[in-house]
């Protein structure tokens, strides 16, 4: 059973930076995309950033220009560099890996890492 383990969350002041990492416990073949989602208290989980197997990226409008997603295929790891953090970025951040399988697609999720941005 493949597990995704996130790290890098924590408490940071407004304007600060954090780098999240998500490592898969084993190789995942036929990955279609890797991404980061977040869920703030009382809100639905939302997409933050995604990177496809071809290297294309997509970002939520709220983080464009501030966050950068990248991946290291050799390490089965995806990163999220977060700069110019704002209090509204406070949330639990979840890593996601989407895999192409015979019957469609399979999603893997990490347990989440908390990011808190103080005023």
Protein backbone atom coordinates (compact mmCIF):
# COMPACT_ATOMS: atom_id res chain seq x y z
CA UNK A 1 0.00 0.00 0.00
CA UNK A 2 1.55 3.25 -1.13
CA UNK A 3 1.54 6.04 1.42
CA UNK A 4 2.07 9.75 0.87
CA UNK A 5 3.82 11.59 3.66
CA UNK A 6 3.70 15.37 3.78
CA UNK A 7 6.12 17.56 5.68
CA UNK A 8 7.08 21.20 5.95
CA UNK A 9 3.99 22.71 7.48
CA UNK A 10 4.09 24.98 10.48
CA UNK A 11 3.50 28.46 11.82
CA UNK A 12 4.73 31.44 9.84
CA UNK A 13 4.09 35.16 9.89
CA UNK A 14 2.36 37.03 7.09
CA UNK A 15 4.75 37.50 4.22
CA UNK A 16 6.83 34.50 5.15
CA UNK A 17 7.61 31.35 3.22
CA UNK A 18 7.26 27.62 3.66
CA UNK A 19 8.15 24.65 1.51
CA UNK A 20 5.96 21.60 1.63
CA UNK A 21 7.17 18.19 0.56
CA UNK A 22 5.26 15.03 -0.20
CA UNK A 23 7.06 11.75 -0.61
CA UNK A 24 5.57 8.49 -1.76
CA UNK A 25 6.59 5.42 0.20
CA UNK A 26 7.05 3.43 -2.99
CA UNK A 27 7.19 4.00 -6.69
CA UNK A 28 3.86 4.81 -8.28
CA UNK A 29 3.65 3.95 -11.92
CA UNK A 30 1.53 5.66 -14.54
CA UNK A 31 1.13 8.86 -12.57
CA UNK A 32 -1.06 11.32 -14.43
CA UNK A 33 -0.69 14.19 -11.99
CA UNK A 34 0.56 15.22 -8.57
CA UNK A 35 -0.96 18.06 -6.67
CA UNK A 36 -1.67 19.96 -3.51
CA UNK A 37 -5.08 20.68 -2.06
CA UNK A 38 -6.03 22.54 1.07
CA UNK A 39 -8.93 22.71 3.45
CA UNK A 40 -9.51 25.62 5.77
CA UNK A 41 -11.80 25.33 8.81
CA UNK A 42 -15.43 25.29 7.76
CA UNK A 43 -14.59 25.21 4.07
CA UNK A 44 -14.43 22.59 1.36
CA UNK A 45 -11.18 21.13 0.15
CA UNK A 46 -9.86 23.08 -2.81
CA UNK A 47 -7.17 22.63 -5.41
CA UNK A 48 -4.05 24.71 -4.80
CA UNK A 49 -1.68 23.52 -7.51
CA UNK A 50 -1.22 20.58 -9.80
CA UNK A 51 1.57 19.31 -12.03
CA UNK A 52 0.98 16.74 -14.74
CA UNK A 53 3.24 13.94 -15.87
CA UNK A 54 4.22 16.15 -18.77
CA UNK A 55 5.24 18.96 -16.46
CA UNK A 56 2.33 21.29 -17.07
CA UNK A 57 1.20 23.22 -14.02
CA UNK A 58 -2.02 24.83 -12.93
CA UNK A 59 -2.69 27.02 -9.91
CA UNK A 60 -5.65 28.39 -8.04
CA UNK A 61 -6.08 32.06 -8.82
CA UNK A 62 -5.55 32.91 -5.16
CA UNK A 63 -1.98 31.55 -5.16
CA UNK A 64 -0.75 32.43 -8.63
CA UNK A 65 2.53 34.27 -8.50
CA UNK A 66 3.14 33.24 -4.90
CA UNK A 67 3.22 29.43 -4.93
CA UNK A 68 5.29 27.10 -7.11
CA UNK A 69 4.75 23.39 -7.52
CA UNK A 70 7.56 21.09 -8.63
CA UNK A 71 8.35 17.40 -8.66
CA UNK A 72 11.30 15.05 -8.47
CA UNK A 73 10.33 11.90 -10.31
CA UNK A 74 13.41 10.01 -9.16
CA UNK A 75 12.41 10.61 -5.55
CA UNK A 76 8.68 10.24 -6.06
CA UNK A 77 8.32 13.59 -4.39
CA UNK A 78 6.29 16.70 -5.08
CA UNK A 79 6.99 20.09 -3.55
CA UNK A 80 5.06 23.27 -2.96
CA UNK A 81 7.06 26.43 -2.42
CA UNK A 82 4.84 29.01 -0.77
CA UNK A 83 5.96 32.62 -0.65
CA UNK A 84 4.29 35.84 0.48
CA UNK A 85 1.98 33.86 2.69
CA UNK A 86 -1.27 35.41 3.86
CA UNK A 87 -3.55 34.57 6.78
CA UNK A 88 -6.11 33.24 4.29
CA UNK A 89 -3.58 30.57 3.27
CA UNK A 90 -4.07 28.98 6.68
CA UNK A 91 -5.33 25.44 6.12
CA UNK A 92 -4.45 21.78 6.20
CA UNK A 93 -2.57 21.01 3.00
CA UNK A 94 -3.01 17.61 1.40
CA UNK A 95 -0.87 15.93 -1.19
CA UNK A 96 -2.57 14.04 -4.01
CA UNK A 97 -1.26 11.63 -6.61
CA UNK A 98 -3.48 10.47 -9.44
CA UNK A 99 -2.60 7.17 -11.07
CA UNK A 100 -3.89 5.75 -14.32
CA UNK A 101 -5.13 2.18 -13.79
CA UNK A 102 -6.93 -0.34 -15.96
CA UNK A 103 -10.40 0.69 -14.76
CA UNK A 104 -9.79 4.42 -14.74
CA UNK A 105 -7.91 6.49 -12.22
CA UNK A 106 -6.88 5.95 -8.64
CA UNK A 107 -6.23 8.73 -6.15
CA UNK A 108 -3.73 8.60 -3.31
CA UNK A 109 -3.96 11.13 -0.48
CA UNK A 110 -1.64 12.14 2.29
CA UNK A 111 -2.87 12.76 5.83
CA UNK A 112 -2.21 16.47 5.57
CA UNK A 113 0.10 19.03 7.08
CA UNK A 114 -1.10 22.16 8.86
CA UNK A 115 -0.02 25.58 7.67
CA UNK A 116 -0.85 28.50 9.93
CA UNK A 117 -0.14 32.06 8.85
CA UNK A 118 -0.30 34.62 11.63
CA UNK A 119 -0.87 38.35 11.30
